Structure formats: structure tokens, C-alpha cells
Amino acid sequence: MRQKAVIDLPPWIEKARKTLVDSLANGIARDEAAVRAGIALDWSYGQTDGQITKLKLVKRQMITRGSAPVAAPM
């Protein structure tokens, strides 16, 4: 994956199906075309995802500031 070798994907899926990540391998096999495109293409949503994560963090902080404190159970 690090070398962006799409050819190595089917053997990796077969090997992964025999381990604890078999559900991940099955999901990748179901949408193999999208996974291949994700490996081969240079597109990245890193900046967008970072901004969304930052926005969600600020939103969570604002929600917790507005709520009443919860009393500890006795």
C-alpha cells in the first residue's frame, strides 16, 4: 500500500481473510474498484477532513459549556 502497488491488493485480501481483520478484507473486496482508485490516485481530502474535525471539536466544546453540570451519583 505504501508503494501504491495496486497489483498487490488481491493477494493481500486473501491473506487478510485468514486473520483477525477478515471483516475489513471482505469490505475491501466488496468495493475493490474504489480501493484501487484510492491507492492509485493522488487525490486527498486531508485538509477538508482536518477542518471538519476541528469544527466538530469546537461544536462539542460549545455544547458542553451550555449544559448544566451533572451531579455525581451517591
N, C-alpha and C. Protein backbone atom coordinates (compact mmCIF):
# COMPACT_ATOMS: atom_id res chain seq x y z
N MET A 1 0.82 -1.20 0.00
CA MET A 1 0.00 0.00 0.00
C MET A 1 0.87 1.26 0.00
N ARG A 2 1.96 1.22 0.73
CA ARG A 2 2.81 2.41 0.81
C ARG A 2 3.47 2.73 -0.52
N GLN A 3 3.72 1.70 -1.32
CA GLN A 3 4.33 1.93 -2.63
C GLN A 3 3.28 2.16 -3.71
N LYS A 4 2.01 2.22 -3.31
CA LYS A 4 0.89 2.41 -4.24
C LYS A 4 0.85 1.33 -5.31
N ALA A 5 1.11 0.09 -4.92
CA ALA A 5 1.10 -1.04 -5.83
C ALA A 5 -0.28 -1.70 -5.81
N VAL A 6 -1.10 -1.34 -6.77
CA VAL A 6 -2.46 -1.87 -6.84
C VAL A 6 -2.45 -3.37 -7.14
N ILE A 7 -1.39 -3.83 -7.78
CA ILE A 7 -1.28 -5.25 -8.15
C ILE A 7 -1.27 -6.13 -6.90
N ASP A 8 -0.73 -5.64 -5.80
CA ASP A 8 -0.61 -6.42 -4.58
C ASP A 8 -1.91 -6.53 -3.80
N LEU A 9 -2.98 -5.91 -4.23
CA LEU A 9 -4.23 -5.90 -3.47
C LEU A 9 -4.90 -7.27 -3.35
N PRO A 10 -5.14 -8.02 -4.43
CA PRO A 10 -5.80 -9.33 -4.28
C PRO A 10 -5.07 -10.32 -3.36
N PRO A 11 -3.73 -10.45 -3.47
CA PRO A 11 -3.05 -11.35 -2.52
C PRO A 11 -3.18 -10.86 -1.07
N TRP A 12 -3.15 -9.54 -0.87
CA TRP A 12 -3.31 -9.00 0.48
C TRP A 12 -4.69 -9.34 1.03
N ILE A 13 -5.72 -9.22 0.20
CA ILE A 13 -7.09 -9.53 0.64
C ILE A 13 -7.18 -10.99 1.05
N GLU A 14 -6.64 -11.88 0.25
CA GLU A 14 -6.69 -13.31 0.58
C GLU A 14 -5.93 -13.62 1.87
N LYS A 15 -4.78 -13.00 2.04
CA LYS A 15 -4.01 -13.22 3.26
C LYS A 15 -4.76 -12.66 4.48
N ALA A 16 -5.37 -11.50 4.33
CA ALA A 16 -6.08 -10.86 5.44
C ALA A 16 -7.34 -11.61 5.83
N ARG A 17 -7.95 -12.31 4.89
CA ARG A 17 -9.16 -13.09 5.20
C ARG A 17 -8.88 -14.24 6.16
N LYS A 18 -7.63 -14.61 6.31
CA LYS A 18 -7.25 -15.71 7.21
C LYS A 18 -6.80 -15.20 8.58
N THR A 19 -6.96 -13.89 8.82
CA THR A 19 -6.52 -13.30 10.09
C THR A 19 -7.70 -12.65 10.80
N LEU A 20 -7.38 -11.88 11.83
CA LEU A 20 -8.42 -11.20 12.61
C LEU A 20 -9.07 -10.03 11.87
N VAL A 21 -8.49 -9.60 10.77
CA VAL A 21 -9.05 -8.48 10.01
C VAL A 21 -9.87 -8.98 8.81
N ASP A 22 -10.48 -10.14 8.95
CA ASP A 22 -11.23 -10.71 7.83
C ASP A 22 -12.43 -9.85 7.44
N SER A 23 -13.07 -9.20 8.39
CA SER A 23 -14.21 -8.35 8.03
C SER A 23 -13.74 -7.13 7.23
N LEU A 24 -12.57 -6.59 7.56
CA LEU A 24 -12.01 -5.49 6.78
C LEU A 24 -11.70 -5.97 5.36
N ALA A 25 -11.10 -7.14 5.24
CA ALA A 25 -10.77 -7.68 3.92
C ALA A 25 -12.02 -7.90 3.09
N ASN A 26 -13.10 -8.38 3.71
CA ASN A 26 -14.35 -8.58 2.98
C ASN A 26 -14.93 -7.26 2.50
N GLY A 27 -14.85 -6.23 3.32
CA GLY A 27 -15.33 -4.91 2.93
C GLY A 27 -14.52 -4.34 1.78
N ILE A 28 -13.22 -4.53 1.82
CA ILE A 28 -12.35 -4.05 0.74
C ILE A 28 -12.66 -4.80 -0.54
N ALA A 29 -12.89 -6.10 -0.44
CA ALA A 29 -13.19 -6.91 -1.63
C ALA A 29 -14.52 -6.50 -2.25
N ARG A 30 -15.50 -6.11 -1.40
CA ARG A 30 -16.81 -5.69 -1.94
C ARG A 30 -16.70 -4.45 -2.81
N ASP A 31 -15.80 -3.54 -2.45
CA ASP A 31 -15.66 -2.30 -3.22
C ASP A 31 -14.22 -2.13 -3.67
N GLU A 32 -13.73 -3.16 -4.31
CA GLU A 32 -12.32 -3.18 -4.71
C GLU A 32 -11.97 -2.08 -5.71
N ALA A 33 -12.89 -1.71 -6.56
CA ALA A 33 -12.61 -0.65 -7.55
C ALA A 33 -12.32 0.68 -6.84
N ALA A 34 -13.09 0.99 -5.81
CA ALA A 34 -12.88 2.24 -5.08
C ALA A 34 -11.55 2.20 -4.31
N VAL A 35 -11.22 1.05 -3.75
CA VAL A 35 -9.96 0.91 -3.02
C VAL A 35 -8.78 1.06 -3.98
N ARG A 36 -8.90 0.44 -5.15
CA ARG A 36 -7.84 0.57 -6.16
C ARG A 36 -7.64 2.04 -6.55
N ALA A 37 -8.75 2.76 -6.75
CA ALA A 37 -8.65 4.18 -7.11
C ALA A 37 -8.02 4.97 -5.97
N GLY A 38 -8.38 4.64 -4.74
CA GLY A 38 -7.81 5.34 -3.59
C GLY A 38 -6.31 5.13 -3.45
N ILE A 39 -5.86 3.95 -3.83
CA ILE A 39 -4.42 3.66 -3.76
C ILE A 39 -3.68 4.34 -4.91
N ALA A 40 -4.24 4.27 -6.11
CA ALA A 40 -3.52 4.71 -7.30
C ALA A 40 -3.57 6.22 -7.53
N LEU A 41 -4.66 6.86 -7.16
CA LEU A 41 -4.80 8.29 -7.47
C LEU A 41 -4.18 9.16 -6.39
N ASP A 42 -3.82 10.36 -6.76
CA ASP A 42 -3.17 11.29 -5.84
C ASP A 42 -4.15 12.22 -5.12
N TRP A 43 -5.43 11.96 -5.21
CA TRP A 43 -6.42 12.80 -4.56
C TRP A 43 -6.35 12.62 -3.06
N SER A 44 -6.57 13.72 -2.33
CA SER A 44 -6.54 13.65 -0.88
C SER A 44 -7.56 14.63 -0.30
N TYR A 45 -8.29 14.17 0.70
CA TYR A 45 -9.24 15.03 1.40
C TYR A 45 -8.70 15.39 2.78
N GLY A 46 -7.40 15.33 2.97
CA GLY A 46 -6.79 15.57 4.26
C GLY A 46 -7.13 16.94 4.83
N GLN A 47 -7.01 17.98 4.03
CA GLN A 47 -7.31 19.33 4.51
C GLN A 47 -8.77 19.47 4.89
N THR A 48 -9.64 18.94 4.05
CA THR A 48 -11.08 19.02 4.32
C THR A 48 -11.43 18.26 5.60
N ASP A 49 -10.91 17.05 5.74
CA ASP A 49 -11.20 16.26 6.94
C ASP A 49 -10.68 16.96 8.19
N GLY A 50 -9.52 17.58 8.10
CA GLY A 50 -8.97 18.30 9.24
C GLY A 50 -9.85 19.46 9.67
N GLN A 51 -10.38 20.19 8.71
CA GLN A 51 -11.25 21.32 9.03
C GLN A 51 -12.56 20.84 9.66
N ILE A 52 -13.10 19.75 9.14
CA ILE A 52 -14.35 19.20 9.68
C ILE A 52 -14.13 18.72 11.11
N THR A 53 -13.01 18.05 11.36
CA THR A 53 -12.69 17.57 12.71
C THR A 53 -12.57 18.74 13.67
N LYS A 54 -11.91 19.80 13.24
CA LYS A 54 -11.74 20.99 14.09
C LYS A 54 -13.10 21.63 14.39
N LEU A 55 -13.97 21.71 13.39
CA LEU A 55 -15.29 22.28 13.57
C LEU A 55 -16.12 21.45 14.55
N LYS A 56 -16.06 20.14 14.44
CA LYS A 56 -16.80 19.27 15.36
C LYS A 56 -16.29 19.41 16.79
N LEU A 57 -14.98 19.56 16.95
CA LEU A 57 -14.40 19.74 18.27
C LEU A 57 -14.92 21.02 18.92
N VAL A 58 -14.93 22.11 18.17
CA VAL A 58 -15.43 23.38 18.69
C VAL A 58 -16.91 23.26 19.03
N LYS A 59 -17.67 22.61 18.18
CA LYS A 59 -19.10 22.43 18.43
C LYS A 59 -19.34 21.64 19.71
N ARG A 60 -18.58 20.56 19.92
CA ARG A 60 -18.72 19.76 21.15
C ARG A 60 -18.38 20.58 22.38
N GLN A 61 -17.35 21.42 22.28
CA GLN A 61 -16.96 22.25 23.41
C GLN A 61 -18.06 23.25 23.74
N MET A 62 -18.68 23.81 22.73
CA MET A 62 -19.74 24.79 22.96
C MET A 62 -20.97 24.12 23.58
N ILE A 63 -21.28 22.92 23.17
CA ILE A 63 -22.44 22.22 23.71
C ILE A 63 -22.22 21.89 25.18
N THR A 64 -21.03 21.43 25.53
CA THR A 64 -20.78 21.06 26.93
C THR A 64 -20.71 22.28 27.83
N ARG A 65 -20.35 23.44 27.32
CA ARG A 65 -20.32 24.65 28.14
C ARG A 65 -21.72 25.13 28.46
N GLY A 66 -22.66 24.89 27.57
CA GLY A 66 -24.03 25.37 27.77
C GLY A 66 -24.87 24.47 28.62
N SER A 67 -24.45 23.25 28.84
CA SER A 67 -25.28 22.32 29.61
C SER A 67 -24.97 22.45 31.09
N ALA A 68 -25.95 22.09 31.89
CA ALA A 68 -25.79 22.14 33.35
C ALA A 68 -24.86 21.02 33.79
N PRO A 69 -24.07 21.28 34.82
CA PRO A 69 -23.18 20.21 35.30
C PRO A 69 -23.98 19.06 35.88
N VAL A 70 -23.47 17.88 35.69
CA VAL A 70 -24.15 16.68 36.15
C VAL A 70 -23.63 16.34 37.55
N ALA A 71 -24.55 16.14 38.48
CA ALA A 71 -24.15 15.79 39.85
C ALA A 71 -23.68 14.35 39.90
N ALA A 72 -22.70 14.11 40.71
CA ALA A 72 -22.17 12.75 40.85
C ALA A 72 -23.16 11.90 41.62
N PRO A 73 -23.37 10.66 41.20
CA PRO A 73 -24.32 9.79 41.91
C PRO A 73 -23.78 9.44 43.30
N MET A 74 -24.68 9.27 44.23
CA MET A 74 -24.27 8.92 45.61
C MET A 74 -24.50 7.49 45.89
